[in-house]
Amino acid sequence: MADTKSKARNRNKDANRDPISGAPGAHPVGVGAGAVAGGAVAGAVTGTVAGPVGTMVGAAIGAVAGGLAGKAVAEAIDPTAEDAYWRENYATEPYYENGLRYEDYEPAYRAGYESYGEVTSKYGRPRTFEEVERDIEAKYNQRRAQNGLAWDKARSPARAAWDRVERALPGDADRDGK
């Protein structure tokens, strides 16, 4: 019975359910960050043309558009598929060290692929890994186990996950050739 409940919880977690509606495919971080970035950009542009009222209207319209753009980027990243890919392939990577398990690398992979969508939504455009590396490192350090890999060893798997997501999306979003 407990095992059945555990499986149901994992299924719900993997579906990224909306906390309010329960609908699968929710990406609140991507939507929220996209809304903020879109609102700021649209508000600034409209405000220069239409004054303070235009700024408020532009911010509202930009928040909706930015939220949708942020959701699109976040939805393009399937955390379940990324986890499955890295679980199967981590030991073939050049940074892999004998004796380390997938669980040792998993927080770094997750920080890398989740950060790509969040950063793109937050800034309204893709950034390079190097531009946001400190943010990714902070995210990683929040998740790693007490005895997890230090950032100098976790950086390469985080970067690999970042690059994999970037390659999966159309174009070279951050123009770094990867």
N, C-alpha and C. Protein backbone atom coordinates (compact mmCIF):
# COMPACT_ATOMS: atom_id res chain seq x y z
N MET A 1 0.82 -1.20 0.00
CA MET A 1 0.00 0.00 0.00
C MET A 1 0.86 1.26 0.00
N ALA A 2 1.86 1.28 0.89
CA ALA A 2 2.75 2.45 0.95
C ALA A 2 3.50 2.61 -0.36
N ASP A 3 3.89 1.48 -0.98
CA ASP A 3 4.62 1.55 -2.24
C ASP A 3 3.74 2.13 -3.35
N THR A 4 2.45 1.81 -3.35
CA THR A 4 1.52 2.34 -4.33
C THR A 4 1.38 3.85 -4.17
N LYS A 5 1.27 4.32 -2.91
CA LYS A 5 1.17 5.75 -2.66
C LYS A 5 2.43 6.47 -3.11
N SER A 6 3.58 5.86 -2.86
CA SER A 6 4.86 6.45 -3.26
C SER A 6 4.93 6.59 -4.78
N LYS A 7 4.50 5.55 -5.50
CA LYS A 7 4.51 5.61 -6.96
C LYS A 7 3.57 6.70 -7.47
N ALA A 8 2.40 6.83 -6.84
CA ALA A 8 1.44 7.86 -7.26
C ALA A 8 2.02 9.25 -7.03
N ARG A 9 2.71 9.46 -5.89
CA ARG A 9 3.33 10.75 -5.63
C ARG A 9 4.40 11.06 -6.67
N ASN A 10 5.22 10.07 -7.01
CA ASN A 10 6.27 10.27 -8.02
C ASN A 10 5.67 10.59 -9.38
N ARG A 11 4.57 9.89 -9.73
CA ARG A 11 3.92 10.16 -11.01
C ARG A 11 3.41 11.60 -11.04
N ASN A 12 2.79 12.05 -9.94
CA ASN A 12 2.28 13.42 -9.89
C ASN A 12 3.42 14.42 -9.95
N LYS A 13 4.53 14.13 -9.26
CA LYS A 13 5.69 15.03 -9.28
C LYS A 13 6.26 15.13 -10.68
N ASP A 14 6.38 13.99 -11.37
CA ASP A 14 6.95 13.97 -12.71
C ASP A 14 6.06 14.68 -13.72
N ALA A 15 4.76 14.79 -13.42
CA ALA A 15 3.83 15.44 -14.35
C ALA A 15 3.88 16.96 -14.23
N ASN A 16 4.67 17.49 -13.30
CA ASN A 16 4.74 18.94 -13.08
C ASN A 16 3.33 19.53 -12.97
N ARG A 17 2.56 19.01 -12.03
CA ARG A 17 1.17 19.45 -11.88
C ARG A 17 1.08 20.88 -11.37
N ASP A 18 0.12 21.64 -11.92
CA ASP A 18 -0.15 22.99 -11.48
C ASP A 18 -0.65 22.91 -10.04
N PRO A 19 -0.10 23.71 -9.12
CA PRO A 19 -0.50 23.61 -7.73
C PRO A 19 -1.95 24.03 -7.47
N ILE A 20 -2.54 24.81 -8.37
CA ILE A 20 -3.91 25.26 -8.18
C ILE A 20 -4.90 24.35 -8.90
N SER A 21 -4.68 24.14 -10.19
CA SER A 21 -5.65 23.38 -10.98
C SER A 21 -5.37 21.89 -11.02
N GLY A 22 -4.13 21.49 -10.72
CA GLY A 22 -3.76 20.07 -10.81
C GLY A 22 -3.44 19.62 -12.22
N ALA A 23 -3.52 20.53 -13.19
CA ALA A 23 -3.26 20.17 -14.59
C ALA A 23 -1.79 19.83 -14.78
N PRO A 24 -1.49 18.80 -15.58
CA PRO A 24 -0.08 18.47 -15.82
C PRO A 24 0.58 19.51 -16.71
N GLY A 25 1.89 19.58 -16.64
CA GLY A 25 2.65 20.46 -17.53
C GLY A 25 2.84 21.86 -17.01
N ALA A 26 2.60 22.08 -15.72
CA ALA A 26 2.78 23.42 -15.16
C ALA A 26 4.26 23.71 -14.96
N HIS A 27 4.65 24.92 -15.24
CA HIS A 27 6.03 25.36 -15.03
C HIS A 27 5.99 26.74 -14.39
N PRO A 28 5.62 26.80 -13.08
CA PRO A 28 5.41 28.09 -12.44
C PRO A 28 6.65 28.97 -12.42
N VAL A 29 7.83 28.40 -12.30
CA VAL A 29 9.04 29.23 -12.28
C VAL A 29 9.25 29.87 -13.64
N GLY A 30 9.12 29.09 -14.69
CA GLY A 30 9.29 29.63 -16.04
C GLY A 30 8.25 30.68 -16.37
N VAL A 31 7.00 30.41 -16.00
CA VAL A 31 5.92 31.37 -16.27
C VAL A 31 6.14 32.64 -15.48
N GLY A 32 6.44 32.50 -14.19
CA GLY A 32 6.62 33.68 -13.33
C GLY A 32 7.79 34.53 -13.78
N ALA A 33 8.92 33.88 -14.04
CA ALA A 33 10.10 34.63 -14.46
C ALA A 33 9.86 35.28 -15.82
N GLY A 34 9.20 34.56 -16.71
CA GLY A 34 8.89 35.13 -18.02
C GLY A 34 7.94 36.31 -17.91
N ALA A 35 6.99 36.21 -17.00
CA ALA A 35 6.03 37.30 -16.81
C ALA A 35 6.74 38.55 -16.32
N VAL A 36 7.64 38.39 -15.36
CA VAL A 36 8.37 39.54 -14.83
C VAL A 36 9.23 40.17 -15.92
N ALA A 37 10.00 39.34 -16.64
CA ALA A 37 10.87 39.87 -17.69
C ALA A 37 10.05 40.52 -18.80
N GLY A 38 8.99 39.85 -19.22
CA GLY A 38 8.16 40.40 -20.29
C GLY A 38 7.48 41.69 -19.88
N GLY A 39 7.01 41.76 -18.65
CA GLY A 39 6.37 42.97 -18.15
C GLY A 39 7.32 44.15 -18.12
N ALA A 40 8.52 43.90 -17.65
CA ALA A 40 9.50 44.97 -17.56
C ALA A 40 9.87 45.50 -18.94
N VAL A 41 10.12 44.61 -19.87
CA VAL A 41 10.52 45.03 -21.22
C VAL A 41 9.38 45.75 -21.92
N ALA A 42 8.20 45.13 -21.91
CA ALA A 42 7.07 45.76 -22.61
C ALA A 42 6.68 47.08 -21.96
N GLY A 43 6.73 47.12 -20.64
CA GLY A 43 6.40 48.37 -19.94
C GLY A 43 7.35 49.48 -20.28
N ALA A 44 8.61 49.17 -20.33
CA ALA A 44 9.61 50.19 -20.66
C ALA A 44 9.42 50.70 -22.08
N VAL A 45 9.21 49.79 -23.00
CA VAL A 45 9.04 50.19 -24.41
C VAL A 45 7.79 51.02 -24.58
N THR A 46 6.68 50.53 -24.03
CA THR A 46 5.41 51.26 -24.18
C THR A 46 5.46 52.58 -23.43
N GLY A 47 6.09 52.58 -22.27
CA GLY A 47 6.17 53.81 -21.47
C GLY A 47 6.90 54.92 -22.17
N THR A 48 7.88 54.60 -22.95
CA THR A 48 8.61 55.65 -23.67
C THR A 48 7.74 56.26 -24.76
N VAL A 49 6.77 55.50 -25.22
CA VAL A 49 5.90 56.00 -26.28
C VAL A 49 4.64 56.66 -25.72
N ALA A 50 4.03 56.05 -24.69
CA ALA A 50 2.71 56.50 -24.24
C ALA A 50 2.69 57.07 -22.83
N GLY A 51 3.80 57.23 -22.19
CA GLY A 51 3.81 57.82 -20.85
C GLY A 51 3.46 56.82 -19.76
N PRO A 52 3.16 57.31 -18.54
CA PRO A 52 2.95 56.43 -17.38
C PRO A 52 1.81 55.43 -17.55
N VAL A 53 0.68 55.85 -18.13
CA VAL A 53 -0.43 54.93 -18.32
C VAL A 53 -0.02 53.84 -19.32
N GLY A 54 0.68 54.24 -20.35
CA GLY A 54 1.17 53.27 -21.32
C GLY A 54 2.13 52.28 -20.68
N THR A 55 2.92 52.76 -19.73
CA THR A 55 3.84 51.87 -19.02
C THR A 55 3.07 50.79 -18.29
N MET A 56 1.99 51.17 -17.60
CA MET A 56 1.20 50.18 -16.85
C MET A 56 0.52 49.20 -17.79
N VAL A 57 -0.06 49.69 -18.86
CA VAL A 57 -0.72 48.81 -19.83
C VAL A 57 0.32 47.90 -20.49
N GLY A 58 1.44 48.49 -20.87
CA GLY A 58 2.51 47.70 -21.50
C GLY A 58 3.04 46.63 -20.57
N ALA A 59 3.17 46.95 -19.28
CA ALA A 59 3.65 45.97 -18.31
C ALA A 59 2.67 44.81 -18.20
N ALA A 60 1.38 45.10 -18.18
CA ALA A 60 0.38 44.03 -18.08
C ALA A 60 0.42 43.14 -19.32
N ILE A 61 0.45 43.74 -20.48
CA ILE A 61 0.50 42.96 -21.72
C ILE A 61 1.81 42.18 -21.79
N GLY A 62 2.90 42.84 -21.44
CA GLY A 62 4.20 42.18 -21.46
C GLY A 62 4.28 41.03 -20.47
N ALA A 63 3.64 41.18 -19.31
CA ALA A 63 3.65 40.09 -18.32
C ALA A 63 2.95 38.86 -18.88
N VAL A 64 1.84 39.06 -19.55
CA VAL A 64 1.14 37.91 -20.14
C VAL A 64 2.00 37.28 -21.24
N ALA A 65 2.53 38.11 -22.13
CA ALA A 65 3.36 37.57 -23.22
C ALA A 65 4.62 36.92 -22.68
N GLY A 66 5.27 37.57 -21.71
CA GLY A 66 6.47 37.00 -21.11
C GLY A 66 6.19 35.71 -20.39
N GLY A 67 5.06 35.65 -19.69
CA GLY A 67 4.67 34.41 -19.00
C GLY A 67 4.48 33.27 -19.97
N LEU A 68 3.85 33.55 -21.10
CA LEU A 68 3.66 32.51 -22.11
C LEU A 68 4.98 32.08 -22.72
N ALA A 69 5.88 33.03 -22.96
CA ALA A 69 7.20 32.69 -23.51
C ALA A 69 7.99 31.88 -22.50
N GLY A 70 7.94 32.29 -21.24
CA GLY A 70 8.64 31.54 -20.20
C GLY A 70 8.10 30.13 -20.07
N LYS A 71 6.79 29.99 -20.17
CA LYS A 71 6.18 28.66 -20.08
C LYS A 71 6.62 27.80 -21.26
N ALA A 72 6.69 28.41 -22.44
CA ALA A 72 7.11 27.65 -23.63
C ALA A 72 8.52 27.11 -23.47
N VAL A 73 9.43 27.95 -22.98
CA VAL A 73 10.80 27.48 -22.78
C VAL A 73 10.84 26.39 -21.72
N ALA A 74 10.14 26.62 -20.60
CA ALA A 74 10.14 25.64 -19.52
C ALA A 74 9.51 24.32 -19.97
N GLU A 75 8.45 24.38 -20.77
CA GLU A 75 7.81 23.15 -21.23
C GLU A 75 8.66 22.40 -22.25
N ALA A 76 9.55 23.10 -22.92
CA ALA A 76 10.43 22.42 -23.87
C ALA A 76 11.44 21.54 -23.15
N ILE A 77 11.61 21.78 -21.87
CA ILE A 77 12.55 21.00 -21.07
C ILE A 77 11.76 19.99 -20.26
N ASP A 78 11.90 18.73 -20.58
CA ASP A 78 11.18 17.66 -19.89
C ASP A 78 12.10 17.07 -18.82
N PRO A 79 11.87 17.41 -17.55
CA PRO A 79 12.77 16.93 -16.50
C PRO A 79 12.83 15.41 -16.40
N THR A 80 11.73 14.74 -16.70
CA THR A 80 11.73 13.28 -16.65
C THR A 80 12.62 12.70 -17.74
N ALA A 81 12.54 13.27 -18.93
CA ALA A 81 13.38 12.80 -20.04
C ALA A 81 14.85 13.12 -19.78
N GLU A 82 15.12 14.30 -19.24
CA GLU A 82 16.50 14.67 -18.94
C GLU A 82 17.10 13.73 -17.89
N ASP A 83 16.34 13.45 -16.85
CA ASP A 83 16.81 12.54 -15.81
C ASP A 83 17.10 11.16 -16.40
N ALA A 84 16.19 10.68 -17.23
CA ALA A 84 16.39 9.35 -17.84
C ALA A 84 17.63 9.34 -18.73
N TYR A 85 17.82 10.39 -19.51
CA TYR A 85 18.99 10.47 -20.40
C TYR A 85 20.28 10.41 -19.58
N TRP A 86 20.38 11.27 -18.57
CA TRP A 86 21.62 11.34 -17.81
C TRP A 86 21.85 10.09 -16.98
N ARG A 87 20.77 9.49 -16.47
CA ARG A 87 20.90 8.25 -15.71
C ARG A 87 21.53 7.16 -16.58
N GLU A 88 21.17 7.14 -17.84
CA GLU A 88 21.68 6.13 -18.76
C GLU A 88 23.08 6.46 -19.30
N ASN A 89 23.42 7.73 -19.39
CA ASN A 89 24.65 8.13 -20.10
C ASN A 89 25.75 8.75 -19.25
N TYR A 90 25.52 8.99 -17.97
CA TYR A 90 26.49 9.73 -17.17
C TYR A 90 27.88 9.08 -17.17
N ALA A 91 27.93 7.77 -17.18
CA ALA A 91 29.23 7.08 -17.07
C ALA A 91 30.04 7.14 -18.36
N THR A 92 29.45 7.64 -19.45
CA THR A 92 30.19 7.76 -20.72
C THR A 92 30.75 9.16 -20.93
N GLU A 93 30.48 10.06 -19.99
CA GLU A 93 30.93 11.45 -20.12
C GLU A 93 32.42 11.56 -19.76
N PRO A 94 33.13 12.51 -20.38
CA PRO A 94 34.58 12.63 -20.14
C PRO A 94 34.95 12.99 -18.70
N TYR A 95 34.05 13.63 -17.96
CA TYR A 95 34.33 14.01 -16.58
C TYR A 95 34.02 12.91 -15.58
N TYR A 96 33.41 11.82 -16.04
CA TYR A 96 33.01 10.74 -15.14
C TYR A 96 34.23 10.18 -14.39
N GLU A 97 34.07 9.95 -13.10
CA GLU A 97 35.12 9.36 -12.28
C GLU A 97 34.65 7.99 -11.79
N ASN A 98 35.49 6.97 -11.98
CA ASN A 98 35.16 5.63 -11.52
C ASN A 98 34.75 5.68 -10.05
N GLY A 99 33.73 4.90 -9.73
CA GLY A 99 33.26 4.81 -8.36
C GLY A 99 32.14 5.78 -8.03
N LEU A 100 31.94 6.80 -8.86
CA LEU A 100 30.84 7.71 -8.61
C LEU A 100 29.56 7.16 -9.24
N ARG A 101 28.45 7.40 -8.57
CA ARG A 101 27.14 6.91 -9.04
C ARG A 101 26.36 8.06 -9.69
N TYR A 102 25.31 7.69 -10.38
CA TYR A 102 24.45 8.71 -10.98
C TYR A 102 23.97 9.69 -9.91
N GLU A 103 23.63 9.18 -8.75
CA GLU A 103 23.11 10.02 -7.67
C GLU A 103 24.13 11.10 -7.24
N ASP A 104 25.40 10.84 -7.46
CA ASP A 104 26.42 11.85 -7.15
C ASP A 104 26.36 13.01 -8.13
N TYR A 105 26.01 12.73 -9.38
CA TYR A 105 25.96 13.74 -10.43
C TYR A 105 24.58 14.39 -10.60
N GLU A 106 23.54 13.71 -10.17
CA GLU A 106 22.16 14.13 -10.46
C GLU A 106 21.86 15.57 -10.06
N PRO A 107 22.25 16.05 -8.88
CA PRO A 107 21.93 17.46 -8.56
C PRO A 107 22.59 18.45 -9.53
N ALA A 108 23.76 18.13 -10.04
CA ALA A 108 24.42 19.01 -11.00
C ALA A 108 23.67 19.00 -12.34
N TYR A 109 23.29 17.82 -12.80
CA TYR A 109 22.52 17.76 -14.04
C TYR A 109 21.23 18.57 -13.91
N ARG A 110 20.53 18.35 -12.81
CA ARG A 110 19.25 19.03 -12.62
C ARG A 110 19.44 20.54 -12.55
N ALA A 111 20.47 21.00 -11.85
CA ALA A 111 20.73 22.44 -11.79
C ALA A 111 21.00 23.00 -13.19
N GLY A 112 21.70 22.24 -14.02
CA GLY A 112 22.01 22.68 -15.38
C GLY A 112 20.80 22.77 -16.27
N TYR A 113 19.99 21.70 -16.33
CA TYR A 113 18.86 21.75 -17.27
C TYR A 113 17.71 22.61 -16.76
N GLU A 114 17.50 22.67 -15.46
CA GLU A 114 16.45 23.54 -14.95
C GLU A 114 16.83 25.01 -15.11
N SER A 115 18.08 25.31 -14.88
CA SER A 115 18.53 26.70 -14.95
C SER A 115 18.39 27.27 -16.36
N TYR A 116 18.60 26.45 -17.38
CA TYR A 116 18.51 26.97 -18.74
C TYR A 116 17.15 27.61 -18.99
N GLY A 117 16.08 26.91 -18.67
CA GLY A 117 14.74 27.46 -18.87
C GLY A 117 14.45 28.65 -17.97
N GLU A 118 14.88 28.57 -16.73
CA GLU A 118 14.64 29.67 -15.79
C GLU A 118 15.37 30.94 -16.21
N VAL A 119 16.61 30.79 -16.62
CA VAL A 119 17.42 31.94 -17.01
C VAL A 119 16.86 32.58 -18.27
N THR A 120 16.49 31.77 -19.24
CA THR A 120 15.93 32.31 -20.48
C THR A 120 14.65 33.09 -20.18
N SER A 121 13.82 32.54 -19.30
CA SER A 121 12.58 33.22 -18.93
C SER A 121 12.86 34.50 -18.15
N LYS A 122 13.78 34.43 -17.22
CA LYS A 122 14.08 35.57 -16.34
C LYS A 122 14.62 36.77 -17.11
N TYR A 123 15.52 36.53 -18.03
CA TYR A 123 16.17 37.63 -18.74
C TYR A 123 15.52 37.96 -20.08
N GLY A 124 14.54 37.18 -20.48
CA GLY A 124 13.86 37.45 -21.74
C GLY A 124 14.66 37.05 -22.97
N ARG A 125 15.85 36.55 -22.76
CA ARG A 125 16.68 36.06 -23.86
C ARG A 125 17.68 35.08 -23.25
N PRO A 126 18.19 34.18 -24.04
CA PRO A 126 19.18 33.25 -23.53
C PRO A 126 20.46 33.96 -23.08
N ARG A 127 21.11 33.39 -22.13
CA ARG A 127 22.41 33.85 -21.66
C ARG A 127 23.40 32.71 -21.84
N THR A 128 24.67 33.01 -21.79
CA THR A 128 25.65 31.94 -21.83
C THR A 128 25.76 31.31 -20.46
N PHE A 129 26.25 30.10 -20.42
CA PHE A 129 26.47 29.41 -19.16
C PHE A 129 27.35 30.26 -18.24
N GLU A 130 28.40 30.83 -18.82
CA GLU A 130 29.34 31.62 -18.03
C GLU A 130 28.69 32.85 -17.41
N GLU A 131 27.73 33.46 -18.11
CA GLU A 131 27.06 34.64 -17.59
C GLU A 131 26.24 34.33 -16.33
N VAL A 132 25.75 33.13 -16.22
CA VAL A 132 24.88 32.78 -15.10
C VAL A 132 25.44 31.64 -14.24
N GLU A 133 26.70 31.35 -14.42
CA GLU A 133 27.31 30.22 -13.71
C GLU A 133 27.15 30.34 -12.19
N ARG A 134 27.30 31.52 -11.63
CA ARG A 134 27.18 31.67 -10.17
C ARG A 134 25.77 31.32 -9.71
N ASP A 135 24.76 31.67 -10.50
CA ASP A 135 23.38 31.32 -10.15
C ASP A 135 23.19 29.80 -10.18
N ILE A 136 23.76 29.17 -11.19
CA ILE A 136 23.65 27.71 -11.32
C ILE A 136 24.39 27.04 -10.17
N GLU A 137 25.54 27.56 -9.83
CA GLU A 137 26.31 27.01 -8.70
C GLU A 137 25.50 27.12 -7.41
N ALA A 138 24.87 28.27 -7.19
CA ALA A 138 24.06 28.45 -5.97
C ALA A 138 22.90 27.46 -5.95
N LYS A 139 22.25 27.27 -7.09
CA LYS A 139 21.15 26.31 -7.18
C LYS A 139 21.66 24.90 -6.87
N TYR A 140 22.79 24.56 -7.44
CA TYR A 140 23.39 23.25 -7.18
C TYR A 140 23.69 23.06 -5.69
N ASN A 141 24.31 24.05 -5.10
CA ASN A 141 24.70 23.94 -3.69
C ASN A 141 23.51 23.82 -2.76
N GLN A 142 22.35 24.33 -3.15
CA GLN A 142 21.14 24.18 -2.35
C GLN A 142 20.64 22.74 -2.37
N ARG A 143 20.95 22.00 -3.42
CA ARG A 143 20.39 20.66 -3.61
C ARG A 143 21.33 19.52 -3.28
N ARG A 144 22.62 19.76 -3.37
CA ARG A 144 23.54 18.64 -3.21
C ARG A 144 23.51 18.11 -1.79
N ALA A 145 23.82 16.85 -1.68
CA ALA A 145 23.88 16.22 -0.37
C ALA A 145 25.04 16.79 0.42
N GLN A 146 25.01 16.58 1.72
CA GLN A 146 26.07 17.10 2.59
C GLN A 146 27.46 16.72 2.08
N ASN A 147 27.59 15.50 1.59
CA ASN A 147 28.89 15.03 1.11
C ASN A 147 28.95 14.99 -0.42
N GLY A 148 28.11 15.79 -1.08
CA GLY A 148 28.07 15.80 -2.55
C GLY A 148 29.31 16.41 -3.16
N LEU A 149 29.36 16.34 -4.47
CA LEU A 149 30.50 16.88 -5.21
C LEU A 149 30.64 18.39 -4.98
N ALA A 150 31.86 18.84 -4.85
CA ALA A 150 32.12 20.28 -4.80
C ALA A 150 31.87 20.84 -6.21
N TRP A 151 31.62 22.15 -6.29
CA TRP A 151 31.28 22.77 -7.58
C TRP A 151 32.33 22.50 -8.65
N ASP A 152 33.61 22.47 -8.29
CA ASP A 152 34.63 22.26 -9.31
C ASP A 152 34.44 20.92 -10.02
N LYS A 153 33.84 19.92 -9.36
CA LYS A 153 33.56 18.64 -10.01
C LYS A 153 32.14 18.58 -10.56
N ALA A 154 31.25 19.40 -10.03
CA ALA A 154 29.86 19.41 -10.48
C ALA A 154 29.65 20.33 -11.68
N ARG A 155 30.58 21.24 -11.92
CA ARG A 155 30.42 22.22 -13.00
C ARG A 155 30.29 21.54 -14.37
N SER A 156 31.13 20.56 -14.64
CA SER A 156 31.09 19.91 -15.96
C SER A 156 29.77 19.20 -16.22
N PRO A 157 29.24 18.42 -15.26
CA PRO A 157 27.92 17.82 -15.53
C PRO A 157 26.81 18.87 -15.65
N ALA A 158 26.86 19.94 -14.87
CA ALA A 158 25.86 21.00 -14.99
C ALA A 158 25.95 21.64 -16.37
N ARG A 159 27.16 21.88 -16.84
CA ARG A 159 27.36 22.47 -18.16
C ARG A 159 26.88 21.51 -19.25
N ALA A 160 27.14 20.23 -19.09
CA ALA A 160 26.71 19.25 -20.09
C ALA A 160 25.18 19.23 -20.20
N ALA A 161 24.50 19.30 -19.06
CA ALA A 161 23.03 19.31 -19.07
C ALA A 161 22.51 20.60 -19.69
N TRP A 162 23.14 21.72 -19.38
CA TRP A 162 22.79 23.02 -19.98
C TRP A 162 22.92 22.95 -21.50
N ASP A 163 24.07 22.46 -21.97
CA ASP A 163 24.32 22.38 -23.41
C ASP A 163 23.35 21.43 -24.10
N ARG A 164 23.01 20.32 -23.45
CA ARG A 164 22.08 19.36 -24.05
C ARG A 164 20.71 20.01 -24.27
N VAL A 165 20.23 20.75 -23.29
CA VAL A 165 18.94 21.43 -23.43
C VAL A 165 19.03 22.48 -24.53
N GLU A 166 20.11 23.24 -24.54
CA GLU A 166 20.26 24.27 -25.56
C GLU A 166 20.25 23.66 -26.96
N ARG A 167 20.94 22.53 -27.13
CA ARG A 167 20.97 21.88 -28.45
C ARG A 167 19.60 21.37 -28.86
N ALA A 168 18.77 20.99 -27.87
CA ALA A 168 17.45 20.45 -28.17
C ALA A 168 16.48 21.53 -28.64
N LEU A 169 16.74 22.77 -28.28
CA LEU A 169 15.88 23.88 -28.69
C LEU A 169 16.38 24.42 -30.03
N PRO A 170 15.52 25.02 -30.81
CA PRO A 170 15.93 25.51 -32.13
C PRO A 170 17.02 26.57 -32.03
N GLY A 171 18.04 26.42 -32.84
CA GLY A 171 19.11 27.42 -32.94
C GLY A 171 20.11 27.35 -31.80
N ASP A 172 21.14 28.14 -31.91
CA ASP A 172 22.16 28.28 -30.88
C ASP A 172 21.78 29.49 -30.05
N ALA A 173 20.93 29.26 -29.06
CA ALA A 173 20.28 30.35 -28.35
C ALA A 173 21.26 31.35 -27.76
N ASP A 174 22.35 30.90 -27.18
CA ASP A 174 23.28 31.85 -26.57
C ASP A 174 24.49 32.15 -27.46
N ARG A 175 24.45 31.66 -28.70
CA ARG A 175 25.47 31.94 -29.72
C ARG A 175 26.88 31.56 -29.27
N ASP A 176 27.00 30.45 -28.53
CA ASP A 176 28.33 30.02 -28.11
C ASP A 176 28.85 28.84 -28.92
N GLY A 177 28.11 28.45 -29.96
CA GLY A 177 28.55 27.38 -30.84
C GLY A 177 28.30 25.98 -30.30
N LYS A 178 27.59 25.88 -29.17
CA LYS A 178 27.32 24.55 -28.57
C LYS A 178 25.85 24.25 -28.59
